[in-house]
Amino acid sequence: VQLQASGGGWVQAGDSLSLSCAASGSMFSSGTMAWFRQAPGKEREFVAAVRWSGYSSGNTYYTDSVKGRFTISRDRVKNTVYLRMSSLRPEDTAVYYCAAGRGVIASSRASRNAYDYWGQGTQVTVSS
């Protein structure tokens, strides 16, 4: 599985931005796709995840700081996961990475180690 993220850019606080992550190769029968982000000098952190297939397919999960502002979705025909970001804040500034993992369980969903494949990252900059 190869992941190609796109859609980052520079926006002002309060604006919206959408990211895409196109997956190529064979998608697994039971897995999860997610978005993480990493701000300068900080650890890579979980943003959102969606069950790609299998049990709870389509279910979405978010870190508290983005709930109500970000929406993750997937298109299984296009093999693409999206992250729609609204009401952006300067603290959302980071490099955003998409990730895919087989057999990700609930307790590890927010852990980088649960994911097998990573995209190259796309920069999102929010100015105040």
N, C-alpha and C. Protein backbone atom coordinates (compact mmCIF):
# COMPACT_ATOMS: atom_id res chain seq x y z
N VAL A 1 0.84 -1.19 0.00
CA VAL A 1 0.00 0.00 0.00
C VAL A 1 0.88 1.25 0.00
N GLN A 2 0.61 2.13 -0.93
CA GLN A 2 1.32 3.41 -0.96
C GLN A 2 0.30 4.52 -0.78
N LEU A 3 0.67 5.53 0.00
CA LEU A 3 -0.24 6.61 0.32
C LEU A 3 0.33 7.93 -0.18
N GLN A 4 -0.51 8.71 -0.82
CA GLN A 4 -0.10 9.99 -1.37
C GLN A 4 -1.04 11.07 -0.84
N ALA A 5 -0.50 11.92 0.04
CA ALA A 5 -1.30 12.98 0.64
C ALA A 5 -1.17 14.26 -0.18
N SER A 6 -2.25 15.03 -0.19
CA SER A 6 -2.24 16.31 -0.91
C SER A 6 -3.28 17.24 -0.29
N GLY A 7 -3.21 18.52 -0.68
CA GLY A 7 -4.23 19.47 -0.27
C GLY A 7 -3.81 20.47 0.77
N GLY A 8 -2.60 20.36 1.29
CA GLY A 8 -2.16 21.32 2.29
C GLY A 8 -2.00 22.71 1.71
N GLY A 9 -1.80 23.68 2.58
CA GLY A 9 -1.61 25.04 2.12
C GLY A 9 -1.57 26.02 3.27
N TRP A 10 -1.63 27.28 2.90
CA TRP A 10 -1.60 28.37 3.87
C TRP A 10 -2.98 29.01 3.91
N VAL A 11 -3.56 29.13 5.10
CA VAL A 11 -4.88 29.74 5.26
C VAL A 11 -4.87 30.64 6.48
N GLN A 12 -5.92 31.42 6.61
CA GLN A 12 -6.08 32.26 7.79
C GLN A 12 -6.97 31.58 8.81
N ALA A 13 -6.84 31.98 10.05
CA ALA A 13 -7.67 31.42 11.11
C ALA A 13 -9.14 31.57 10.76
N GLY A 14 -9.88 30.50 10.98
CA GLY A 14 -11.30 30.49 10.66
C GLY A 14 -11.63 29.93 9.30
N ASP A 15 -10.61 29.78 8.46
CA ASP A 15 -10.82 29.23 7.11
C ASP A 15 -10.97 27.72 7.16
N SER A 16 -11.27 27.17 5.98
CA SER A 16 -11.40 25.73 5.83
C SER A 16 -10.39 25.22 4.81
N LEU A 17 -10.07 23.95 4.93
CA LEU A 17 -9.11 23.32 4.02
C LEU A 17 -9.41 21.83 4.00
N SER A 18 -9.23 21.22 2.84
CA SER A 18 -9.45 19.78 2.73
C SER A 18 -8.18 19.07 2.29
N LEU A 19 -7.90 17.97 2.93
CA LEU A 19 -6.77 17.12 2.58
C LEU A 19 -7.29 15.83 1.97
N SER A 20 -6.49 15.27 1.08
CA SER A 20 -6.82 13.98 0.48
C SER A 20 -5.64 13.04 0.63
N CYS A 21 -5.94 11.77 0.69
CA CYS A 21 -4.90 10.76 0.75
C CYS A 21 -5.33 9.60 -0.15
N ALA A 22 -4.64 9.46 -1.25
CA ALA A 22 -4.96 8.40 -2.21
C ALA A 22 -4.09 7.18 -1.93
N ALA A 23 -4.74 6.04 -1.84
CA ALA A 23 -4.03 4.79 -1.57
C ALA A 23 -3.94 3.97 -2.84
N SER A 24 -2.77 3.46 -3.11
CA SER A 24 -2.58 2.56 -4.25
C SER A 24 -2.10 1.21 -3.74
N GLY A 25 -2.31 0.20 -4.53
CA GLY A 25 -1.97 -1.14 -4.09
C GLY A 25 -3.19 -1.80 -3.49
N SER A 26 -3.01 -2.97 -2.99
CA SER A 26 -4.13 -3.75 -2.46
C SER A 26 -4.52 -3.25 -1.08
N MET A 27 -5.76 -2.86 -0.95
CA MET A 27 -6.25 -2.45 0.35
C MET A 27 -6.63 -3.71 1.13
N PHE A 28 -6.38 -3.71 2.40
CA PHE A 28 -6.62 -4.85 3.23
C PHE A 28 -8.11 -4.97 3.54
N SER A 29 -8.49 -6.17 3.88
CA SER A 29 -9.91 -6.46 4.10
C SER A 29 -10.41 -5.88 5.40
N SER A 30 -9.55 -5.65 6.33
CA SER A 30 -9.98 -5.10 7.61
C SER A 30 -8.94 -4.13 8.09
N GLY A 31 -9.23 -2.86 8.03
CA GLY A 31 -8.22 -1.91 8.42
C GLY A 31 -8.77 -0.55 8.75
N THR A 32 -7.86 0.32 9.07
CA THR A 32 -8.18 1.68 9.49
C THR A 32 -7.26 2.66 8.78
N MET A 33 -7.82 3.78 8.40
CA MET A 33 -6.99 4.86 7.87
C MET A 33 -7.13 6.06 8.78
N ALA A 34 -6.04 6.79 8.89
CA ALA A 34 -6.02 7.87 9.88
C ALA A 34 -5.21 9.05 9.38
N TRP A 35 -5.41 10.15 10.05
CA TRP A 35 -4.59 11.34 9.87
C TRP A 35 -3.88 11.64 11.19
N PHE A 36 -2.61 11.92 11.09
CA PHE A 36 -1.81 12.40 12.20
C PHE A 36 -1.24 13.75 11.80
N ARG A 37 -0.71 14.46 12.76
CA ARG A 37 -0.03 15.72 12.44
C ARG A 37 1.15 15.93 13.38
N GLN A 38 2.10 16.68 12.88
CA GLN A 38 3.30 16.95 13.67
C GLN A 38 3.68 18.42 13.50
N ALA A 39 3.61 19.14 14.61
CA ALA A 39 4.02 20.54 14.63
C ALA A 39 5.51 20.61 14.95
N PRO A 40 6.16 21.70 14.59
CA PRO A 40 7.60 21.83 14.85
C PRO A 40 7.91 21.64 16.33
N GLY A 41 8.87 20.78 16.60
CA GLY A 41 9.30 20.55 17.96
C GLY A 41 8.38 19.70 18.80
N LYS A 42 7.36 19.13 18.18
CA LYS A 42 6.39 18.31 18.93
C LYS A 42 6.33 16.90 18.37
N GLU A 43 5.74 16.02 19.15
CA GLU A 43 5.55 14.64 18.73
C GLU A 43 4.42 14.58 17.69
N ARG A 44 4.48 13.56 16.86
CA ARG A 44 3.39 13.33 15.92
C ARG A 44 2.16 12.87 16.71
N GLU A 45 1.04 13.51 16.45
CA GLU A 45 -0.17 13.22 17.23
C GLU A 45 -1.33 12.80 16.34
N PHE A 46 -2.17 11.99 16.92
CA PHE A 46 -3.37 11.49 16.24
C PHE A 46 -4.37 12.62 16.04
N VAL A 47 -5.00 12.63 14.87
CA VAL A 47 -6.03 13.62 14.58
C VAL A 47 -7.40 12.95 14.40
N ALA A 48 -7.45 11.99 13.49
CA ALA A 48 -8.74 11.34 13.20
C ALA A 48 -8.49 10.02 12.51
N ALA A 49 -9.47 9.14 12.59
CA ALA A 49 -9.37 7.83 11.94
C ALA A 49 -10.74 7.39 11.45
N VAL A 50 -10.73 6.53 10.46
CA VAL A 50 -11.97 5.95 9.94
C VAL A 50 -11.71 4.48 9.65
N ARG A 51 -12.65 3.66 10.05
CA ARG A 51 -12.55 2.24 9.74
C ARG A 51 -12.78 2.07 8.24
N TRP A 52 -11.80 1.50 7.56
CA TRP A 52 -11.88 1.38 6.11
C TRP A 52 -12.84 0.27 5.70
N SER A 53 -12.75 -0.83 6.39
CA SER A 53 -13.54 -2.00 6.03
C SER A 53 -13.66 -2.90 7.24
N GLY A 54 -14.43 -3.96 7.08
CA GLY A 54 -14.58 -4.92 8.15
C GLY A 54 -15.50 -4.42 9.23
N TYR A 55 -15.28 -4.92 10.42
CA TYR A 55 -16.12 -4.57 11.56
C TYR A 55 -16.11 -3.07 11.79
N SER A 56 -17.26 -2.48 12.00
CA SER A 56 -17.43 -1.04 12.24
C SER A 56 -16.98 -0.19 11.06
N SER A 57 -17.08 -0.76 9.87
CA SER A 57 -16.69 -0.04 8.67
C SER A 57 -17.40 1.31 8.60
N GLY A 58 -16.63 2.36 8.35
CA GLY A 58 -17.20 3.69 8.25
C GLY A 58 -17.21 4.48 9.54
N ASN A 59 -16.99 3.82 10.66
CA ASN A 59 -16.97 4.54 11.94
C ASN A 59 -15.79 5.51 11.97
N THR A 60 -16.01 6.66 12.57
CA THR A 60 -14.99 7.69 12.64
C THR A 60 -14.63 8.02 14.08
N TYR A 61 -13.41 8.50 14.26
CA TYR A 61 -12.88 8.80 15.59
C TYR A 61 -12.02 10.06 15.48
N TYR A 62 -12.07 10.88 16.53
CA TYR A 62 -11.36 12.15 16.51
C TYR A 62 -10.68 12.42 17.84
N THR A 63 -9.59 13.13 17.76
CA THR A 63 -9.02 13.65 18.99
C THR A 63 -9.89 14.83 19.44
N ASP A 64 -9.91 15.07 20.73
CA ASP A 64 -10.85 16.06 21.28
C ASP A 64 -10.68 17.46 20.67
N SER A 65 -9.47 17.84 20.39
CA SER A 65 -9.22 19.22 19.95
C SER A 65 -9.78 19.53 18.56
N VAL A 66 -10.16 18.49 17.80
CA VAL A 66 -10.68 18.74 16.45
C VAL A 66 -12.15 18.34 16.31
N LYS A 67 -12.72 17.77 17.33
CA LYS A 67 -14.12 17.36 17.26
C LYS A 67 -15.01 18.56 16.95
N GLY A 68 -15.92 18.36 16.01
CA GLY A 68 -16.82 19.43 15.62
C GLY A 68 -16.23 20.36 14.57
N ARG A 69 -14.94 20.26 14.32
CA ARG A 69 -14.29 21.11 13.32
C ARG A 69 -13.77 20.31 12.12
N PHE A 70 -13.27 19.11 12.38
CA PHE A 70 -12.70 18.28 11.32
C PHE A 70 -13.64 17.11 11.04
N THR A 71 -13.65 16.69 9.78
CA THR A 71 -14.43 15.53 9.38
C THR A 71 -13.58 14.62 8.51
N ILE A 72 -13.47 13.37 8.92
CA ILE A 72 -12.76 12.38 8.12
C ILE A 72 -13.78 11.55 7.36
N SER A 73 -13.46 11.22 6.14
CA SER A 73 -14.36 10.38 5.34
C SER A 73 -13.53 9.55 4.39
N ARG A 74 -14.17 8.54 3.80
CA ARG A 74 -13.44 7.69 2.86
C ARG A 74 -14.30 7.39 1.66
N ASP A 75 -13.63 7.15 0.55
CA ASP A 75 -14.28 6.73 -0.68
C ASP A 75 -13.60 5.44 -1.10
N ARG A 76 -14.29 4.34 -0.89
CA ARG A 76 -13.67 3.04 -1.15
C ARG A 76 -13.54 2.75 -2.63
N VAL A 77 -14.31 3.42 -3.45
CA VAL A 77 -14.17 3.24 -4.90
C VAL A 77 -12.90 3.91 -5.38
N LYS A 78 -12.65 5.11 -4.87
CA LYS A 78 -11.47 5.87 -5.26
C LYS A 78 -10.25 5.53 -4.40
N ASN A 79 -10.45 4.69 -3.39
CA ASN A 79 -9.35 4.35 -2.47
C ASN A 79 -8.73 5.61 -1.88
N THR A 80 -9.56 6.50 -1.42
CA THR A 80 -9.10 7.80 -0.93
C THR A 80 -9.76 8.13 0.40
N VAL A 81 -8.99 8.69 1.30
CA VAL A 81 -9.51 9.19 2.56
C VAL A 81 -9.33 10.71 2.57
N TYR A 82 -10.29 11.39 3.15
CA TYR A 82 -10.30 12.85 3.15
C TYR A 82 -10.31 13.36 4.59
N LEU A 83 -9.81 14.57 4.75
CA LEU A 83 -9.92 15.26 6.02
C LEU A 83 -10.38 16.68 5.71
N ARG A 84 -11.62 16.96 6.07
CA ARG A 84 -12.18 18.29 5.88
C ARG A 84 -11.97 19.05 7.18
N MET A 85 -11.25 20.16 7.11
CA MET A 85 -10.91 20.94 8.29
C MET A 85 -11.59 22.30 8.21
N SER A 86 -12.34 22.62 9.23
CA SER A 86 -13.04 23.90 9.28
C SER A 86 -12.64 24.64 10.55
N SER A 87 -12.97 25.93 10.57
CA SER A 87 -12.66 26.77 11.74
C SER A 87 -11.22 26.56 12.19
N LEU A 88 -10.32 26.61 11.24
CA LEU A 88 -8.91 26.33 11.53
C LEU A 88 -8.33 27.37 12.48
N ARG A 89 -7.42 26.90 13.30
CA ARG A 89 -6.76 27.73 14.30
C ARG A 89 -5.25 27.70 14.08
N PRO A 90 -4.54 28.70 14.55
CA PRO A 90 -3.08 28.66 14.41
C PRO A 90 -2.46 27.40 15.00
N GLU A 91 -3.04 26.88 16.05
CA GLU A 91 -2.49 25.66 16.67
C GLU A 91 -2.72 24.41 15.84
N ASP A 92 -3.47 24.52 14.75
CA ASP A 92 -3.62 23.39 13.81
C ASP A 92 -2.46 23.33 12.83
N THR A 93 -1.60 24.32 12.86
CA THR A 93 -0.44 24.34 11.96
C THR A 93 0.46 23.14 12.22
N ALA A 94 0.73 22.39 11.17
CA ALA A 94 1.53 21.16 11.31
C ALA A 94 1.70 20.53 9.93
N VAL A 95 2.55 19.54 9.89
CA VAL A 95 2.59 18.64 8.74
C VAL A 95 1.60 17.52 9.02
N TYR A 96 0.71 17.30 8.09
CA TYR A 96 -0.33 16.30 8.26
C TYR A 96 0.05 15.05 7.46
N TYR A 97 -0.05 13.90 8.13
CA TYR A 97 0.30 12.62 7.53
C TYR A 97 -0.92 11.71 7.52
N CYS A 98 -1.10 11.00 6.42
CA CYS A 98 -2.11 9.95 6.43
C CYS A 98 -1.42 8.62 6.69
N ALA A 99 -2.17 7.72 7.25
CA ALA A 99 -1.62 6.43 7.64
C ALA A 99 -2.66 5.35 7.44
N ALA A 100 -2.20 4.14 7.24
CA ALA A 100 -3.10 3.00 7.08
C ALA A 100 -2.58 1.84 7.91
N GLY A 101 -3.50 1.14 8.53
CA GLY A 101 -3.08 0.03 9.38
C GLY A 101 -4.03 -1.14 9.30
N ARG A 102 -3.46 -2.35 9.35
CA ARG A 102 -4.27 -3.56 9.40
C ARG A 102 -4.61 -3.86 10.86
N GLY A 103 -5.81 -4.33 11.08
CA GLY A 103 -6.14 -4.84 12.40
C GLY A 103 -5.92 -3.86 13.53
N VAL A 104 -6.15 -2.59 13.29
CA VAL A 104 -5.99 -1.59 14.36
C VAL A 104 -7.11 -1.75 15.36
N ILE A 105 -6.75 -1.95 16.61
CA ILE A 105 -7.77 -2.12 17.63
C ILE A 105 -8.04 -0.77 18.31
N ALA A 106 -9.17 -0.71 18.98
CA ALA A 106 -9.63 0.54 19.56
C ALA A 106 -8.59 1.16 20.50
N SER A 107 -7.98 0.33 21.31
CA SER A 107 -7.06 0.85 22.31
C SER A 107 -5.78 1.42 21.71
N SER A 108 -5.48 1.09 20.47
CA SER A 108 -4.24 1.57 19.84
C SER A 108 -4.49 2.51 18.68
N ARG A 109 -5.75 2.88 18.49
CA ARG A 109 -6.11 3.66 17.32
C ARG A 109 -5.34 4.97 17.23
N ALA A 110 -5.03 5.58 18.34
CA ALA A 110 -4.35 6.87 18.35
C ALA A 110 -2.84 6.74 18.41
N SER A 111 -2.34 5.53 18.32
CA SER A 111 -0.90 5.30 18.43
C SER A 111 -0.27 5.18 17.05
N ARG A 112 0.84 5.87 16.86
CA ARG A 112 1.56 5.78 15.58
C ARG A 112 1.96 4.34 15.28
N ASN A 113 2.29 3.60 16.30
CA ASN A 113 2.81 2.25 16.12
C ASN A 113 1.76 1.27 15.57
N ALA A 114 0.50 1.66 15.61
CA ALA A 114 -0.56 0.78 15.13
C ALA A 114 -0.68 0.79 13.61
N TYR A 115 0.00 1.70 12.95
CA TYR A 115 -0.17 1.89 11.51
C TYR A 115 1.05 1.39 10.74
N ASP A 116 0.75 0.70 9.62
CA ASP A 116 1.80 0.05 8.85
C ASP A 116 2.34 0.92 7.72
N TYR A 117 1.52 1.80 7.21
CA TYR A 117 1.90 2.56 6.03
C TYR A 117 1.65 4.05 6.28
N TRP A 118 2.55 4.86 5.72
CA TRP A 118 2.47 6.31 5.92
C TRP A 118 2.64 7.05 4.60
N GLY A 119 1.91 8.14 4.48
CA GLY A 119 2.11 9.04 3.36
C GLY A 119 3.27 9.99 3.66
N GLN A 120 3.57 10.84 2.71
CA GLN A 120 4.75 11.69 2.81
C GLN A 120 4.51 12.97 3.62
N GLY A 121 3.27 13.30 3.93
CA GLY A 121 3.00 14.51 4.71
C GLY A 121 2.70 15.71 3.82
N THR A 122 1.81 16.55 4.30
CA THR A 122 1.48 17.78 3.60
C THR A 122 1.36 18.90 4.63
N GLN A 123 1.95 20.04 4.32
CA GLN A 123 2.03 21.14 5.29
C GLN A 123 0.72 21.94 5.31
N VAL A 124 0.24 22.18 6.52
CA VAL A 124 -0.90 23.07 6.73
C VAL A 124 -0.43 24.20 7.64
N THR A 125 -0.58 25.42 7.19
CA THR A 125 -0.18 26.59 7.97
C THR A 125 -1.39 27.49 8.14
N VAL A 126 -1.69 27.80 9.40
CA VAL A 126 -2.84 28.66 9.72
C VAL A 126 -2.31 29.92 10.39
N SER A 127 -2.54 31.05 9.78
CA SER A 127 -2.07 32.31 10.36
C SER A 127 -3.18 32.99 11.14
N SER A 128 -2.79 33.71 12.15
CA SER A 128 -3.78 34.39 13.01
C SER A 128 -4.16 35.75 12.45
